[in-house]
Amino acid sequence: MRPVDVRGRIIRKVVLTLLTGGLAYFIGNLADQPEIYAILLSAFVAGVTLMVDFLTEFDNRLSAVEEGLSEHASRTEAFVQDKFLTIEKLVEEKFSKINEATELFGLVEASAVRTDLVTQLVRHSTRIDPTCPPIVYEFAQSEIGRISAFLRELGAGSDVTYDGEDRDWLLGLARNARVTIDATSLTTVDAGGARFTDDGLWVSDLGQRYLEAQRDAVRRGVRIRRVFIVDQPDLAKDSGLLAECSRQKEIGIDVRILDPSSNPRLRKSSLFDFVLFDKEISYETTPASRMEGDHKPTIVNTRLVRRESRVRDLIRQFEDLWNSSAEVT
């Protein structure tokens, strides 16, 4: 309280006490009371007035203090409760993240995927932060999303499709095959033009790397069989095709040539380009129709298939094609 207010209140009390005491003294004199009685009455009334005013002020102050304490207690309680809820929420979120991380790590440990590779993926992902150039940040985000979707579909046994011609899947599967690689090779897909000496798969960078991966697979004990399917009878004796067959035989690949016109019982639907890895997963390509003047075939999409029924059908189809084809002499 300001000093001016305190002095004013003291002056008011003094004036009020003097007035009530004077009034009592005046009344005592009017009643013809002895002087001493008038003075005592004046002092008593003044004292009572002062005491009543003091108690009234004290009560008001006490009420104000109680109200202030109650309001402060309410604010303190609300503040503490709010902070407690905030801390509780933070703790719950942290524990939730810890539980989620523990659960994910447990799933990784229980899976067939190498734990150190998953850990490396997560650790390397953390190096990409929002301070990077936007193009780098967004590209990294999209690649993580693409890999995540790929693993989800592959793990669920669903078909995984890539628009266009893929090279990473083909090379990765060839490098990781452990038992067998059974493949068909159509002139409409793997030959660059009318002849195998044209700009096709086997003379491209991808073809060279693919053959190198197959060479390494043969060294690991993988059995590789390839059926070259010709769409024209005269291609069976094409010098480029025979040279390619010889080159692949030198690597250790079992090679045969199939002329569908010499075997009418073959289903046309079985004559397409596919590769079976370890008889567990199929790598299939869909070529676009060739336009006049085109040399290199255009791949519309590439597909990985893990469906058991589909893989079983392809295994039977390949065995039929292999048994119907001729050995290369």
Protein backbone atom coordinates (compact mmCIF):
# COMPACT_ATOMS: atom_id res chain seq x y z
CA MET A 1 0.00 0.00 0.00
CA ARG A 2 1.29 3.47 -0.85
CA PRO A 3 2.43 5.81 2.02
CA VAL A 4 -0.15 8.48 1.09
CA ASP A 5 -2.96 5.97 1.59
CA VAL A 6 -1.57 4.94 5.00
CA ARG A 7 -1.36 8.58 6.24
CA GLY A 8 -4.87 9.30 5.00
CA ARG A 9 -6.27 6.29 6.81
CA ILE A 10 -4.49 7.27 10.07
CA ILE A 11 -5.79 10.85 9.83
CA ARG A 12 -9.30 9.53 9.19
CA LYS A 13 -9.13 7.31 12.26
CA VAL A 14 -7.85 10.15 14.46
CA VAL A 15 -10.54 12.55 13.22
CA LEU A 16 -13.27 9.94 13.66
CA THR A 17 -12.08 9.13 17.20
CA LEU A 18 -11.92 12.82 18.19
CA LEU A 19 -15.36 13.51 16.78
CA THR A 20 -17.02 10.58 18.53
CA GLY A 21 -15.16 11.38 21.79
CA GLY A 22 -16.14 15.07 21.57
CA LEU A 23 -19.73 14.18 20.83
CA ALA A 24 -19.82 11.87 23.86
CA TYR A 25 -18.28 14.58 26.05
CA PHE A 26 -20.88 17.09 24.80
CA ILE A 27 -23.74 14.72 25.54
CA GLY A 28 -22.33 14.01 29.02
CA ASN A 29 -22.31 17.76 29.81
CA LEU A 30 -25.89 18.15 28.54
CA ALA A 31 -26.98 15.44 30.97
CA ASP A 32 -25.56 17.47 33.89
CA GLN A 33 -23.16 14.68 34.70
CA PRO A 34 -20.02 15.35 36.73
CA GLU A 35 -16.98 16.41 34.69
CA ILE A 36 -15.14 13.16 35.37
CA TYR A 37 -18.05 11.09 34.06
CA ALA A 38 -18.22 13.15 30.87
CA ILE A 39 -14.50 12.64 30.29
CA LEU A 40 -14.70 8.89 30.98
CA LEU A 41 -17.72 8.54 28.69
CA SER A 42 -15.92 10.48 25.98
CA ALA A 43 -12.81 8.29 26.31
CA PHE A 44 -14.87 5.06 26.31
CA VAL A 45 -16.90 5.96 23.25
CA ALA A 46 -13.78 7.12 21.37
CA GLY A 47 -11.98 3.89 22.29
CA VAL A 48 -14.91 1.74 21.21
CA THR A 49 -15.15 3.63 17.93
CA LEU A 50 -11.43 3.20 17.31
CA MET A 51 -11.58 -0.51 18.16
CA VAL A 52 -14.62 -1.12 15.92
CA ASP A 53 -12.95 0.68 13.02
CA PHE A 54 -9.74 -1.31 13.60
CA LEU A 55 -11.58 -4.65 13.72
CA THR A 56 -13.57 -3.76 10.63
CA GLU A 57 -10.40 -2.92 8.74
CA PHE A 58 -8.69 -6.03 10.07
CA ASP A 59 -11.61 -8.19 8.93
CA ASN A 60 -11.52 -6.61 5.48
CA ARG A 61 -7.78 -7.16 5.24
CA LEU A 62 -8.14 -10.76 6.43
CA SER A 63 -10.86 -11.42 3.84
CA ALA A 64 -8.68 -9.89 1.13
CA VAL A 65 -5.72 -12.03 2.21
CA GLU A 66 -7.86 -15.18 2.25
CA GLU A 67 -9.26 -14.37 -1.18
CA GLY A 68 -5.76 -13.68 -2.49
CA LEU A 69 -4.40 -16.90 -1.00
CA SER A 70 -7.30 -18.86 -2.44
CA GLU A 71 -6.78 -17.35 -5.89
CA HIS A 72 -3.03 -17.95 -5.67
CA ALA A 73 -3.61 -21.52 -4.57
CA SER A 74 -5.98 -22.05 -7.50
CA ARG A 75 -3.48 -20.59 -9.97
CA THR A 76 -0.67 -22.63 -8.42
CA GLU A 77 -2.74 -25.80 -8.56
CA ALA A 78 -3.71 -25.14 -12.19
CA PHE A 79 -0.08 -24.38 -13.07
CA VAL A 80 1.23 -27.49 -11.31
CA GLN A 81 -1.49 -29.63 -12.84
CA ASP A 82 -0.78 -28.26 -16.30
CA LYS A 83 2.95 -28.83 -15.87
CA PHE A 84 2.32 -32.29 -14.47
CA LEU A 85 0.10 -33.21 -17.39
CA THR A 86 2.71 -31.84 -19.79
CA ILE A 87 5.50 -33.81 -18.10
CA GLU A 88 3.28 -36.89 -17.97
CA LYS A 89 2.49 -36.53 -21.66
CA LEU A 90 6.18 -36.12 -22.49
CA VAL A 91 7.06 -39.15 -20.41
CA GLU A 92 4.33 -41.19 -22.09
CA GLU A 93 5.52 -40.10 -25.53
CA LYS A 94 9.13 -40.97 -24.67
CA PHE A 95 8.14 -44.36 -23.29
CA SER A 96 5.93 -44.92 -26.32
CA LYS A 97 8.86 -44.18 -28.62
CA ILE A 98 11.11 -46.42 -26.53
CA ASN A 99 8.54 -49.21 -26.67
CA GLU A 100 8.13 -48.73 -30.42
CA ALA A 101 11.90 -48.74 -30.94
CA THR A 102 12.23 -51.85 -28.76
CA GLU A 103 9.45 -53.56 -30.69
CA LEU A 104 11.00 -52.66 -34.04
CA PHE A 105 14.43 -53.83 -32.93
CA GLY A 106 12.87 -57.08 -31.72
CA LEU A 107 11.22 -57.56 -35.12
CA VAL A 108 14.53 -56.91 -36.86
CA GLU A 109 16.30 -59.39 -34.59
CA ALA A 110 13.63 -62.01 -35.29
CA SER A 111 13.65 -61.47 -39.07
CA ALA A 112 16.00 -63.07 -41.58
CA VAL A 113 17.42 -59.67 -42.55
CA ARG A 114 20.89 -58.89 -41.24
CA THR A 115 20.56 -56.57 -38.25
CA ASP A 116 23.73 -54.63 -39.06
CA LEU A 117 22.41 -53.69 -42.51
CA VAL A 118 19.14 -52.35 -41.07
CA THR A 119 21.10 -50.43 -38.44
CA GLN A 120 23.31 -48.93 -41.13
CA LEU A 121 20.23 -47.87 -43.12
CA VAL A 122 18.76 -46.08 -40.09
CA ARG A 123 22.08 -44.49 -39.13
CA HIS A 124 22.77 -43.26 -42.64
CA SER A 125 19.22 -41.92 -42.94
CA THR A 126 19.79 -39.68 -39.92
CA ARG A 127 22.56 -37.89 -41.81
CA ILE A 128 19.95 -36.32 -44.06
CA ASP A 129 18.49 -33.33 -42.24
CA PRO A 130 16.29 -30.37 -43.27
CA THR A 131 19.36 -28.12 -43.55
CA CYS A 132 20.39 -30.00 -46.69
CA PRO A 133 19.44 -28.50 -50.04
CA PRO A 134 15.71 -29.10 -50.67
CA ILE A 135 16.39 -31.29 -53.70
CA VAL A 136 18.69 -33.57 -51.68
CA TYR A 137 16.27 -33.77 -48.74
CA GLU A 138 13.22 -34.50 -50.89
CA PHE A 139 15.09 -37.04 -53.03
CA ALA A 140 16.31 -38.89 -49.92
CA GLN A 141 12.77 -38.91 -48.54
CA SER A 142 11.34 -40.33 -51.76
CA GLU A 143 14.04 -43.02 -51.94
CA ILE A 144 13.37 -44.11 -48.35
CA GLY A 145 9.66 -44.29 -49.18
CA ARG A 146 10.35 -46.29 -52.33
CA ILE A 147 12.57 -48.78 -50.51
CA SER A 148 10.01 -49.09 -47.73
CA ALA A 149 7.21 -49.83 -50.21
CA PHE A 150 9.44 -52.31 -52.08
CA LEU A 151 10.28 -54.24 -48.89
CA ARG A 152 6.64 -54.23 -47.81
CA GLU A 153 5.42 -55.70 -51.10
CA LEU A 154 8.30 -58.15 -51.39
CA GLY A 155 7.82 -59.34 -47.79
CA ALA A 156 4.07 -59.76 -48.32
CA GLY A 157 4.66 -61.98 -51.35
CA SER A 158 3.04 -59.46 -53.69
CA ASP A 159 4.15 -58.60 -57.20
CA VAL A 160 6.56 -55.67 -57.36
CA THR A 161 6.47 -53.64 -60.55
CA TYR A 162 9.02 -51.18 -61.91
CA ASP A 163 8.08 -48.92 -64.80
CA GLY A 164 10.63 -49.35 -67.53
CA GLU A 165 13.75 -51.51 -67.66
CA ASP A 166 15.36 -52.32 -64.32
CA ARG A 167 18.98 -53.29 -63.84
CA ASP A 168 19.49 -53.33 -60.07
CA TRP A 169 16.96 -56.12 -59.44
CA LEU A 170 18.40 -58.31 -62.20
CA LEU A 171 22.02 -57.87 -61.12
CA GLY A 172 21.17 -58.16 -57.41
CA LEU A 173 19.27 -61.43 -57.88
CA ALA A 174 22.03 -62.89 -60.06
CA ARG A 175 24.65 -61.96 -57.46
CA ASN A 176 22.66 -63.55 -54.64
CA ALA A 177 21.36 -66.72 -56.30
CA ARG A 178 22.46 -69.84 -54.46
CA VAL A 179 20.94 -72.84 -56.31
CA THR A 180 19.63 -72.25 -59.83
CA ILE A 181 18.98 -69.62 -62.46
CA ASP A 182 16.57 -70.67 -65.23
CA ALA A 183 16.00 -68.09 -67.95
CA THR A 184 14.40 -67.59 -71.31
CA SER A 185 15.82 -65.15 -73.86
CA LEU A 186 13.58 -63.96 -76.69
CA THR A 187 14.99 -62.39 -79.82
CA THR A 188 12.19 -59.81 -79.60
CA VAL A 189 13.52 -58.71 -76.19
CA ASP A 190 17.21 -59.54 -75.88
CA ALA A 191 18.31 -59.06 -79.48
CA GLY A 192 18.81 -55.51 -80.65
CA GLY A 193 17.48 -55.98 -84.13
CA ALA A 194 17.01 -58.72 -86.64
CA ARG A 195 20.29 -60.31 -85.56
CA PHE A 196 22.01 -60.96 -82.25
CA THR A 197 24.97 -58.96 -83.41
CA ASP A 198 22.81 -55.82 -83.32
CA ASP A 199 22.47 -53.49 -80.35
CA GLY A 200 20.72 -55.85 -77.91
CA LEU A 201 20.98 -56.86 -74.26
CA TRP A 202 24.06 -59.06 -74.55
CA VAL A 203 26.28 -56.36 -76.04
CA SER A 204 25.04 -53.63 -73.69
CA ASP A 205 26.62 -52.56 -70.41
CA LEU A 206 23.80 -54.26 -68.49
CA GLY A 207 24.26 -57.48 -70.46
CA GLN A 208 28.00 -57.52 -69.80
CA ARG A 209 27.51 -56.97 -66.07
CA TYR A 210 24.75 -59.59 -66.02
CA LEU A 211 27.03 -62.17 -67.62
CA GLU A 212 29.80 -61.34 -65.14
CA ALA A 213 27.36 -61.88 -62.27
CA GLN A 214 26.39 -65.24 -63.79
CA ARG A 215 30.04 -66.21 -64.13
CA ASP A 216 30.47 -65.60 -60.40
CA ALA A 217 27.28 -67.56 -59.71
CA VAL A 218 28.60 -70.58 -61.61
CA ARG A 219 31.76 -70.42 -59.53
CA ARG A 220 29.55 -70.56 -56.40
CA GLY A 221 28.00 -73.77 -57.70
CA VAL A 222 24.81 -72.27 -59.14
CA ARG A 223 23.38 -74.17 -62.11
CA ILE A 224 22.33 -71.78 -64.88
CA ARG A 225 20.16 -72.79 -67.83
CA ARG A 226 19.10 -70.47 -70.65
CA VAL A 227 16.72 -71.13 -73.54
CA PHE A 228 17.09 -68.80 -76.52
CA ILE A 229 13.69 -68.56 -78.20
CA VAL A 230 13.84 -67.47 -81.84
CA ASP A 231 10.83 -65.91 -83.54
CA GLN A 232 12.12 -66.72 -87.05
CA PRO A 233 13.33 -70.18 -88.11
CA ASP A 234 16.44 -68.82 -89.88
CA LEU A 235 17.61 -67.18 -86.64
CA ALA A 236 18.36 -70.62 -85.17
CA LYS A 237 21.51 -70.65 -87.35
CA ASP A 238 22.32 -66.97 -86.95
CA SER A 239 26.05 -66.51 -86.47
CA GLY A 240 25.53 -63.87 -83.81
CA LEU A 241 23.22 -66.15 -81.80
CA LEU A 242 25.59 -69.11 -82.09
CA ALA A 243 28.51 -66.94 -81.03
CA GLU A 244 26.57 -65.72 -78.00
CA CYS A 245 25.65 -69.30 -77.10
CA SER A 246 29.30 -70.33 -77.29
CA ARG A 247 30.37 -67.42 -75.13
CA GLN A 248 27.81 -68.29 -72.46
CA LYS A 249 28.72 -71.97 -72.59
CA GLU A 250 32.32 -71.03 -71.91
CA ILE A 251 31.16 -69.24 -68.76
CA GLY A 252 29.47 -72.45 -67.61
CA ILE A 253 25.87 -71.73 -68.60
CA ASP A 254 23.80 -74.56 -70.09
CA VAL A 255 22.37 -73.15 -73.31
CA ARG A 256 19.70 -74.40 -75.71
CA ILE A 257 17.84 -72.93 -78.70
CA LEU A 258 14.09 -73.24 -79.19
CA ASP A 259 12.35 -72.76 -82.55
CA PRO A 260 8.63 -72.63 -81.68
CA SER A 261 7.66 -73.33 -85.31
CA SER A 262 9.22 -76.78 -85.02
CA ASN A 263 7.09 -77.65 -82.01
CA PRO A 264 3.42 -76.72 -82.61
CA ARG A 265 2.31 -78.17 -79.27
CA LEU A 266 4.00 -75.35 -77.35
CA ARG A 267 1.62 -72.76 -75.98
CA LYS A 268 2.21 -69.27 -77.33
CA SER A 269 1.44 -67.90 -73.85
CA SER A 270 4.55 -69.62 -72.49
CA LEU A 271 6.87 -67.80 -74.90
CA PHE A 272 7.84 -64.72 -72.93
CA ASP A 273 10.93 -63.38 -71.22
CA PHE A 274 11.42 -64.48 -67.59
CA VAL A 275 14.14 -65.57 -65.19
CA LEU A 276 13.62 -67.91 -62.22
CA PHE A 277 16.07 -67.45 -59.36
CA ASP A 278 16.44 -70.44 -56.99
CA LYS A 279 12.93 -71.47 -58.13
CA GLU A 280 11.59 -68.96 -55.60
CA ILE A 281 11.20 -65.64 -57.41
CA SER A 282 10.51 -64.70 -61.00
CA TYR A 283 11.95 -61.70 -62.85
CA GLU A 284 9.73 -60.80 -65.82
CA THR A 285 9.87 -58.06 -68.43
CA THR A 286 7.14 -56.75 -70.73
CA PRO A 287 8.41 -55.39 -74.06
CA ALA A 288 6.57 -52.77 -76.10
CA SER A 289 5.55 -53.46 -79.68
CA ARG A 290 8.34 -52.67 -82.07
CA MET A 291 7.83 -49.86 -84.52
CA GLU A 292 9.44 -49.83 -87.94
CA GLY A 293 13.02 -48.66 -87.65
CA ASP A 294 13.38 -49.61 -83.98
CA HIS A 295 16.51 -51.55 -83.17
CA LYS A 296 16.64 -51.76 -79.42
CA PRO A 297 13.46 -53.15 -77.80
CA THR A 298 11.64 -50.93 -75.31
CA ILE A 299 10.74 -52.47 -71.94
CA VAL A 300 7.37 -51.26 -70.67
CA ASN A 301 7.80 -52.60 -67.16
CA THR A 302 9.72 -55.08 -65.03
CA ARG A 303 8.03 -57.27 -62.46
CA LEU A 304 9.17 -59.42 -59.54
CA VAL A 305 6.79 -62.25 -58.68
CA ARG A 306 6.85 -64.30 -55.49
CA ARG A 307 3.37 -65.81 -55.63
CA GLU A 308 3.82 -69.53 -55.10
CA SER A 309 1.23 -70.57 -57.67
CA ARG A 310 2.77 -68.33 -60.32
CA VAL A 311 6.32 -69.53 -59.61
CA ARG A 312 5.19 -73.19 -59.79
CA ASP A 313 3.60 -72.54 -63.20
CA LEU A 314 6.79 -70.90 -64.46
CA ILE A 315 8.88 -73.82 -63.23
CA ARG A 316 6.70 -76.22 -65.25
CA GLN A 317 6.76 -73.91 -68.28
CA PHE A 318 10.52 -73.66 -68.23
CA GLU A 319 10.93 -77.44 -67.99
CA ASP A 320 8.62 -77.83 -71.03
CA LEU A 321 10.63 -75.21 -72.95
CA TRP A 322 13.93 -76.81 -71.92
CA ASN A 323 12.84 -80.29 -72.97
CA SER A 324 11.50 -78.96 -76.28
CA SER A 325 14.65 -77.05 -77.17
CA ALA A 326 17.73 -78.22 -78.97
CA GLU A 327 21.26 -78.35 -77.64
CA VAL A 328 23.84 -76.09 -79.17
CA THR A 329 26.62 -78.06 -80.83
